[in-house]
C-alpha atoms as a PDB file:
ATOM      1  CA  UNK A   1      88.627 157.557 132.975  1.00  0.00           C
ATOM      2  CA  UNK A   2      90.046 153.985 133.285  1.00  0.00           C
ATOM      3  CA  UNK A   3      86.374 152.844 134.347  1.00  0.00           C
ATOM      4  CA  UNK A   4      85.148 154.066 131.490  1.00  0.00           C
ATOM      5  CA  UNK A   5      87.727 152.854 129.222  1.00  0.00           C
ATOM      6  CA  UNK A   6      87.090 149.158 130.910  1.00  0.00           C
ATOM      7  CA  UNK A   7      83.273 149.527 130.131  1.00  0.00           C
ATOM      8  CA  UNK A   8      83.613 150.458 126.816  1.00  0.00           C
ATOM      9  CA  UNK A   9      85.994 147.552 126.150  1.00  0.00           C
ATOM     10  CA  UNK A  10      83.699 144.998 127.753  1.00  0.00           C
ATOM     11  CA  UNK A  11      80.753 146.263 125.809  1.00  0.00           C
ATOM     12  CA  UNK A  12      82.572 146.190 122.723  1.00  0.00           C
ATOM     13  CA  UNK A  13      83.705 142.674 123.573  1.00  0.00           C
ATOM     14  CA  UNK A  14      80.422 141.934 123.949  1.00  0.00           C
ATOM     15  CA  UNK A  15      78.859 143.358 120.823  1.00  0.00           C
ATOM     16  CA  UNK A  16      81.908 141.201 119.086  1.00  0.00           C
ATOM     17  CA  UNK A  17      80.662 138.197 120.567  1.00  0.00           C
ATOM     18  CA  UNK A  18      76.966 138.669 119.659  1.00  0.00           C
ATOM     19  CA  UNK A  19      77.779 139.795 116.282  1.00  0.00           C
ATOM     20  CA  UNK A  20      79.964 136.038 116.157  1.00  0.00           C
ATOM     21  CA  UNK A  21      77.171 134.456 117.429  1.00  0.00           C
ATOM     22  CA  UNK A  22      74.497 135.589 114.932  1.00  0.00           C
ATOM     23  CA  UNK A  23      77.154 135.223 111.803  1.00  0.00           C
ATOM     24  CA  UNK A  24      77.306 131.556 113.392  1.00  0.00           C
ATOM     25  CA  UNK A  25      73.334 131.079 113.569  1.00  0.00           C
ATOM     26  CA  UNK A  26      73.183 132.732 109.870  1.00  0.00           C
ATOM     27  CA  UNK A  27      75.344 130.492 108.705  1.00  0.00           C
ATOM     28  CA  UNK A  28      74.111 127.622 109.932  1.00  0.00           C
ATOM     29  CA  UNK A  29      70.479 128.306 108.797  1.00  0.00           C
ATOM     30  CA  UNK A  30      71.965 128.975 105.076  1.00  0.00           C
ATOM     31  CA  UNK A  31      73.754 125.644 105.266  1.00  0.00           C
ATOM     32  CA  UNK A  32      70.761 124.264 106.164  1.00  0.00           C
ATOM     33  CA  UNK A  33      68.626 125.857 103.768  1.00  0.00           C
ATOM     34  CA  UNK A  34      71.026 124.941 101.217  1.00  0.00           C
ATOM     35  CA  UNK A  35      71.416 121.301 101.720  1.00  0.00           C
ATOM     36  CA  UNK A  36      67.486 120.852 101.772  1.00  0.00           C
ATOM     37  CA  UNK A  37      67.366 122.876  99.074  1.00  0.00           C
ATOM     38  CA  UNK A  38      65.336 122.193  95.614  1.00  0.00           C
ATOM     39  CA  UNK A  39      66.580 120.427  93.281  1.00  0.00           C
ATOM     40  CA  UNK A  40      66.373 119.046  89.742  1.00  0.00           C
ATOM     41  CA  UNK A  41      67.925 116.388  88.028  1.00  0.00           C
ATOM     42  CA  UNK A  42      67.868 114.186  84.365  1.00  0.00           C
ATOM     43  CA  UNK A  43      69.174 111.277  85.909  1.00  0.00           C
ATOM     44  CA  UNK A  44      73.085 109.981  85.806  1.00  0.00           C
ATOM     45  CA  UNK A  45      72.917 110.004  81.822  1.00  0.00           C
ATOM     46  CA  UNK A  46      72.106 113.527  80.385  1.00  0.00           C
ATOM     47  CA  UNK A  47      72.641 112.816  76.989  1.00  0.00           C
ATOM     48  CA  UNK A  48      70.871 110.469  74.336  1.00  0.00           C
ATOM     49  CA  UNK A  49      71.140 109.384  71.014  1.00  0.00           C
ATOM     50  CA  UNK A  50      68.242 108.674  69.315  1.00  0.00           C
ATOM     51  CA  UNK A  51      66.839 107.657  65.643  1.00  0.00           C
ATOM     52  CA  UNK A  52      65.074 109.959  63.559  1.00  0.00           C
ATOM     53  CA  UNK A  53      61.473 109.442  63.767  1.00  0.00           C
ATOM     54  CA  UNK A  54      61.519 107.645  67.130  1.00  0.00           C
ATOM     55  CA  UNK A  55      60.014 108.639  70.479  1.00  0.00           C
ATOM     56  CA  UNK A  56      62.017 109.445  73.311  1.00  0.00           C
ATOM     57  CA  UNK A  57      61.633 110.268  76.753  1.00  0.00           C
ATOM     58  CA  UNK A  58      63.487 113.213  78.370  1.00  0.00           C
ATOM     59  CA  UNK A  59      63.653 112.296  81.960  1.00  0.00           C
ATOM     60  CA  UNK A  60      63.646 115.077  84.823  1.00  0.00           C
ATOM     61  CA  UNK A  61      62.665 114.189  88.704  1.00  0.00           C
ATOM     62  CA  UNK A  62      62.656 117.015  91.580  1.00  0.00           C
ATOM     63  CA  UNK A  63      63.635 116.320  95.322  1.00  0.00           C
ATOM     64  CA  UNK A  64      63.090 118.826  98.622  1.00  0.00           C
ATOM     65  CA  UNK A  65      64.131 117.998 102.297  1.00  0.00           C
ATOM     66  CA  UNK A  66      61.273 120.552 103.401  1.00  0.00           C
ATOM     67  CA  UNK A  67      58.868 119.565 101.054  1.00  0.00           C
ATOM     68  CA  UNK A  68      56.980 121.469  98.204  1.00  0.00           C
ATOM     69  CA  UNK A  69      53.939 123.796  98.258  1.00  0.00           C
ATOM     70  CA  UNK A  70      53.038 125.208  94.941  1.00  0.00           C
ATOM     71  CA  UNK A  71      55.758 123.743  92.961  1.00  0.00           C
ATOM     72  CA  UNK A  72      56.063 125.241  89.444  1.00  0.00           C
ATOM     73  CA  UNK A  73      57.772 123.430  87.144  1.00  0.00           C
ATOM     74  CA  UNK A  74      58.344 123.799  83.049  1.00  0.00           C
ATOM     75  CA  UNK A  75      60.475 122.452  80.207  1.00  0.00           C
ATOM     76  CA  UNK A  76      62.033 124.361  77.555  1.00  0.00           C
ATOM     77  CA  UNK A  77      63.617 123.800  74.186  1.00  0.00           C
ATOM     78  CA  UNK A  78      66.933 125.946  73.634  1.00  0.00           C
ATOM     79  CA  UNK A  79      66.642 126.824  69.903  1.00  0.00           C
ATOM     80  CA  UNK A  80      69.732 128.277  69.204  1.00  0.00           C
ATOM     81  CA  UNK A  81      69.786 131.314  72.438  1.00  0.00           C
ATOM     82  CA  UNK A  82      66.034 131.123  72.203  1.00  0.00           C
ATOM     83  CA  UNK A  83      64.210 129.287  74.676  1.00  0.00           C
ATOM     84  CA  UNK A  84      60.875 128.038  73.371  1.00  0.00           C
ATOM     85  CA  UNK A  85      58.435 126.625  76.008  1.00  0.00           C
ATOM     86  CA  UNK A  86      57.091 123.058  75.673  1.00  0.00           C
ATOM     87  CA  UNK A  87      55.086 122.748  78.930  1.00  0.00           C
ATOM     88  CA  UNK A  88      54.515 124.231  82.217  1.00  0.00           C
ATOM     89  CA  UNK A  89      52.296 123.509  85.392  1.00  0.00           C
ATOM     90  CA  UNK A  90      51.763 123.806  89.187  1.00  0.00           C
ATOM     91  CA  UNK A  91      51.903 121.250  91.775  1.00  0.00           C
ATOM     92  CA  UNK A  92      49.816 121.954  94.474  1.00  0.00           C
ATOM     93  CA  UNK A  93      50.934 120.074  96.895  1.00  0.00           C
ATOM     94  CA  UNK A  94      52.791 116.711  97.522  1.00  0.00           C
ATOM     95  CA  UNK A  95      50.818 114.023  95.922  1.00  0.00           C
ATOM     96  CA  UNK A  96      48.450 115.923  94.053  1.00  0.00           C
ATOM     97  CA  UNK A  97      48.786 115.961  90.320  1.00  0.00           C
ATOM     98  CA  UNK A  98      49.116 118.868  88.486  1.00  0.00           C
ATOM     99  CA  UNK A  99      47.273 120.250  85.195  1.00  0.00           C
ATOM    100  CA  UNK A 100      50.002 120.798  82.675  1.00  0.00           C
ATOM    101  CA  UNK A 101      49.742 123.108  79.951  1.00  0.00           C
ATOM    102  CA  UNK A 102      51.399 121.948  76.435  1.00  0.00           C
ATOM    103  CA  UNK A 103      52.617 124.073  74.095  1.00  0.00           C
ATOM    104  CA  UNK A 104      53.762 121.609  71.602  1.00  0.00           C
ATOM    105  CA  UNK A 105      51.863 118.940  69.425  1.00  0.00           C
ATOM    106  CA  UNK A 106      54.558 116.131  69.916  1.00  0.00           C
ATOM    107  CA  UNK A 107      55.176 116.525  73.649  1.00  0.00           C
ATOM    108  CA  UNK A 108      53.099 114.205  76.196  1.00  0.00           C
ATOM    109  CA  UNK A 109      53.577 114.787  80.011  1.00  0.00           C
ATOM    110  CA  UNK A 110      54.308 111.446  81.724  1.00  0.00           C
ATOM    111  CA  UNK A 111      55.628 112.544  85.255  1.00  0.00           C
ATOM    112  CA  UNK A 112      53.841 111.920  88.405  1.00  0.00           C
ATOM    113  CA  UNK A 113      53.886 113.859  91.524  1.00  0.00           C
ATOM    114  CA  UNK A 114      53.501 110.880  93.275  1.00  0.00           C
ATOM    115  CA  UNK A 115      57.002 109.812  92.542  1.00  0.00           C
ATOM    116  CA  UNK A 116      58.570 113.679  91.996  1.00  0.00           C
ATOM    117  CA  UNK A 117      58.540 113.160  88.432  1.00  0.00           C
ATOM    118  CA  UNK A 118      58.204 115.859  85.697  1.00  0.00           C
ATOM    119  CA  UNK A 119      59.280 114.099  82.894  1.00  0.00           C
ATOM    120  CA  UNK A 120      57.982 114.390  79.210  1.00  0.00           C
ATOM    121  CA  UNK A 121      57.609 112.228  75.830  1.00  0.00           C
ATOM    122  CA  UNK A 122      58.873 113.805  73.042  1.00  0.00           C
ATOM    123  CA  UNK A 123      57.145 111.820  69.671  1.00  0.00           C
ATOM    124  CA  UNK A 124      58.109 111.052  66.090  1.00  0.00           C
ATOM    125  CA  UNK A 125      61.606 113.305  66.374  1.00  0.00           C
ATOM    126  CA  UNK A 126      63.255 115.039  63.699  1.00  0.00           C
ATOM    127  CA  UNK A 127      66.853 116.460  63.103  1.00  0.00           C
ATOM    128  CA  UNK A 128      65.439 119.879  64.058  1.00  0.00           C
ATOM    129  CA  UNK A 129      64.625 118.414  67.629  1.00  0.00           C
ATOM    130  CA  UNK A 130      68.245 118.075  68.381  1.00  0.00           C
ATOM    131  CA  UNK A 131      69.711 120.087  70.858  1.00  0.00           C
ATOM    132  CA  UNK A 132      69.283 121.066  74.614  1.00  0.00           C
ATOM    133  CA  UNK A 133      66.266 120.573  76.677  1.00  0.00           C
ATOM    134  CA  UNK A 134      65.759 122.495  80.007  1.00  0.00           C
ATOM    135  CA  UNK A 135      63.985 121.209  83.008  1.00  0.00           C
ATOM    136  CA  UNK A 136      63.261 124.254  85.450  1.00  0.00           C
ATOM    137  CA  UNK A 137      61.469 124.222  89.098  1.00  0.00           C
ATOM    138  CA  UNK A 138      60.654 126.889  91.454  1.00  0.00           C
ATOM    139  CA  UNK A 139      59.309 126.159  95.116  1.00  0.00           C
ATOM    140  CA  UNK A 140      57.442 129.046  96.864  1.00  0.00           C
ATOM    141  CA  UNK A 141      57.833 127.102  99.965  1.00  0.00           C
ATOM    142  CA  UNK A 142      61.721 127.433 100.024  1.00  0.00           C
ATOM    143  CA  UNK A 143      61.284 131.373  99.236  1.00  0.00           C
ATOM    144  CA  UNK A 144      61.338 130.902  95.428  1.00  0.00           C
ATOM    145  CA  UNK A 145      64.393 128.575  95.404  1.00  0.00           C
ATOM    146  CA  UNK A 146      64.854 127.445  91.872  1.00  0.00           C
ATOM    147  CA  UNK A 147      66.810 124.954  90.209  1.00  0.00           C
ATOM    148  CA  UNK A 148      67.154 123.448  86.519  1.00  0.00           C
ATOM    149  CA  UNK A 149      69.058 120.811  84.655  1.00  0.00           C
ATOM    150  CA  UNK A 150      69.670 120.313  81.034  1.00  0.00           C
ATOM    151  CA  UNK A 151      69.017 116.889  78.738  1.00  0.00           C
ATOM    152  CA  UNK A 152      70.658 116.719  75.369  1.00  0.00           C
ATOM    153  CA  UNK A 153      69.123 114.844  72.366  1.00  0.00           C
ATOM    154  CA  UNK A 154      71.399 114.104  69.807  1.00  0.00           C
ATOM    155  CA  UNK A 155      69.453 112.643  66.089  1.00  0.00           C
ATOM    156  CA  UNK A 156      70.677 109.984  64.291  1.00  0.00           C
ATOM    157  CA  UNK A 157      70.195 108.053  60.780  1.00  0.00           C
ATOM    158  CA  UNK A 158      70.826 104.683  62.362  1.00  0.00           C
ATOM    159  CA  UNK A 159      71.896 103.863  65.586  1.00  0.00           C
ATOM    160  CA  UNK A 160      76.254 102.878  65.715  1.00  0.00           C
ATOM    161  CA  UNK A 161      76.784  99.053  65.831  1.00  0.00           C
ATOM    162  CA  UNK A 162      79.214  98.242  68.607  1.00  0.00           C
ATOM    163  CA  UNK A 163      82.658  96.873  67.175  1.00  0.00           C
ATOM    164  CA  UNK A 164      83.275  93.310  68.776  1.00  0.00           C
ATOM    165  CA  UNK A 165      86.526  92.797  66.481  1.00  0.00           C
ATOM    166  CA  UNK A 166      88.560  93.288  69.625  1.00  0.00           C
ATOM    167  CA  UNK A 167      86.509  91.274  72.029  1.00  0.00           C
ATOM    168  CA  UNK A 168      86.533  88.337  69.027  1.00  0.00           C
ATOM    169  CA  UNK A 169      90.316  88.349  68.849  1.00  0.00           C
ATOM    170  CA  UNK A 170      90.841  88.200  72.350  1.00  0.00           C
ATOM    171  CA  UNK A 171      88.533  85.313  72.823  1.00  0.00           C
ATOM    172  CA  UNK A 172      89.838  83.595  69.796  1.00  0.00           C
ATOM    173  CA  UNK A 173      93.557  83.727  71.326  1.00  0.00           C
ATOM    174  CA  UNK A 174      92.437  82.658  74.712  1.00  0.00           C
ATOM    175  CA  UNK A 175      90.527  79.827  73.370  1.00  0.00           C
ATOM    176  CA  UNK A 176      93.556  78.884  70.846  1.00  0.00           C
ATOM    177  CA  UNK A 177      96.125  79.090  73.939  1.00  0.00           C
ATOM    178  CA  UNK A 178      93.335  76.749  76.466  1.00  0.00           C
ATOM    179  CA  UNK A 179      93.388  74.750  73.133  1.00  0.00           C
ATOM    180  CA  UNK A 180      97.277  73.938  73.164  1.00  0.00           C
ATOM    181  CA  UNK A 181      97.614  73.479  76.605  1.00  0.00           C
ATOM    182  CA  UNK A 182      95.065  70.821  76.648  1.00  0.00           C
ATOM    183  CA  UNK A 183      96.734  69.196  73.331  1.00  0.00           C
ATOM    184  CA  UNK A 184     100.187  69.828  75.456  1.00  0.00           C
ATOM    185  CA  UNK A 185      98.624  67.792  78.444  1.00  0.00           C
ATOM    186  CA  UNK A 186      97.233  64.984  76.433  1.00  0.00           C
ATOM    187  CA  UNK A 187     100.370  64.413  74.577  1.00  0.00           C
ATOM    188  CA  UNK A 188     102.622  64.338  78.036  1.00  0.00           C
ATOM    189  CA  UNK A 189     100.168  62.231  79.549  1.00  0.00           C
ATOM    190  CA  UNK A 190     100.536  59.676  76.521  1.00  0.00           C
ATOM    191  CA  UNK A 191     103.938  59.779  76.681  1.00  0.00           C
ATOM    192  CA  UNK A 192     104.683  59.108  79.872  1.00  0.00           C
ATOM    193  CA  UNK A 193     101.921  56.046  80.004  1.00  0.00           C
ATOM    194  CA  UNK A 194     103.843  54.845  77.097  1.00  0.00           C
ATOM    195  CA  UNK A 195     107.202  55.108  79.046  1.00  0.00           C
ATOM    196  CA  UNK A 196     105.804  53.587  81.798  1.00  0.00           C
ATOM    197  CA  UNK A 197     104.542  50.576  80.083  1.00  0.00           C
ATOM    198  CA  UNK A 198     108.073  50.160  78.316  1.00  0.00           C
ATOM    199  CA  UNK A 199     109.860  50.459  81.599  1.00  0.00           C
ATOM    200  CA  UNK A 200     107.738  47.593  83.179  1.00  0.00           C
ATOM    201  CA  UNK A 201     108.165  45.322  79.772  1.00  0.00           C
ATOM    202  CA  UNK A 202     112.020  45.712  80.386  1.00  0.00           C
ATOM    203  CA  UNK A 203     111.975  44.689  83.857  1.00  0.00           C
ATOM    204  CA  UNK A 204     109.767  41.587  83.337  1.00  0.00           C
ATOM    205  CA  UNK A 205     112.268  40.935  80.256  1.00  0.00           C
ATOM    206  CA  UNK A 206     115.344  40.973  83.084  1.00  0.00           C
ATOM    207  CA  UNK A 207     113.464  38.959  85.758  1.00  0.00           C
ATOM    208  CA  UNK A 208     112.775  36.535  83.288  1.00  0.00           C
ATOM    209  CA  UNK A 209     116.646  36.519  81.760  1.00  0.00           C
ATOM    210  CA  UNK A 210     117.943  36.131  85.304  1.00  0.00           C
ATOM    211  CA  UNK A 211     115.751  32.921  85.918  1.00  0.00           C
ATOM    212  CA  UNK A 212     116.786  31.495  82.845  1.00  0.00           C
ATOM    213  CA  UNK A 213     120.563  32.108  83.379  1.00  0.00           C
ATOM    214  CA  UNK A 214     120.119  30.683  86.905  1.00  0.00           C
ATOM    215  CA  UNK A 215     118.585  27.414  85.934  1.00  0.00           C
ATOM    216  CA  UNK A 216     121.282  26.602  83.205  1.00  0.00           C
ATOM    217  CA  UNK A 217     123.810  27.338  85.555  1.00  0.00           C
ATOM    218  CA  UNK A 218     122.410  25.134  87.764  1.00  0.00           C
ATOM    219  CA  UNK A 219     121.781  22.153  85.040  1.00  0.00           C
ATOM    220  CA  UNK A 220     125.287  22.561  84.065  1.00  0.00           C
ATOM    221  CA  UNK A 221     126.846  22.165  87.447  1.00  0.00           C
ATOM    222  CA  UNK A 222     124.577  19.314  88.105  1.00  0.00           C
ATOM    223  CA  UNK A 223     125.829  17.296  84.727  1.00  0.00           C
ATOM    224  CA  UNK A 224     129.578  18.278  86.165  1.00  0.00           C
ATOM    225  CA  UNK A 225     128.929  16.591  89.056  1.00  0.00           C
ATOM    226  CA  UNK A 226     127.406  13.619  87.644  1.00  0.00           C
ATOM    227  CA  UNK A 227     130.417  13.063  85.637  1.00  0.00           C
ATOM    228  CA  UNK A 228     133.046  13.460  88.389  1.00  0.00           C
ATOM    229  CA  UNK A 229     131.488  11.015  90.443  1.00  0.00           C
ATOM    230  CA  UNK A 230     133.496   7.999  91.674  1.00  0.00           C
ATOM    231  CA  UNK A 231     132.610   4.473  90.276  1.00  0.00           C
ATOM    232  CA  UNK A 232     131.547   2.019  92.897  1.00  0.00           C
END
């Protein structure tokens, strides 16, 4: 009985270890698949303002660490919850250009599979074109893994002008301060130079005055000596 209990404990421990190893392997496989999975992006900026009547680029690129095979992609416009298809295509393999089906007269495909680019142009936009555009892709090579990204378009009458008032004020203040510093430095230099010249003149006056005093003193002394000299 004790031996049977030990066997059951060992077999249970082995099953637990097997399950643990299996779970770790599955987790690692899922992690690798997730890291290398298909991803689409509309770039760092997912919103743009454009003028009515202009032409805009709706950017989208895809990436996959394990590559693609018969990658399906499409563009849709979200019209208040109703998804309107603008274009779709299948990219057979990498570096093979797709045959794109376009369902909107003002849409043009400008992407290239060589650069993993599935962007489109929207010509002559109107205020009715404002809203969200969805770029979608699906990769059968990754068990039909799919991903999507949203790009928002805002249509305006005219582009907003940047308000440079604050910048102008800051530059003006800095310029005034720098100018004031330069003026103060110039005045200081002139005053210092003037004081130096005045000090030099004072020194010269003192020297000449001292020489004259000594001469006069010497002459008067000589005269006094002549007067006091004894007669022969």
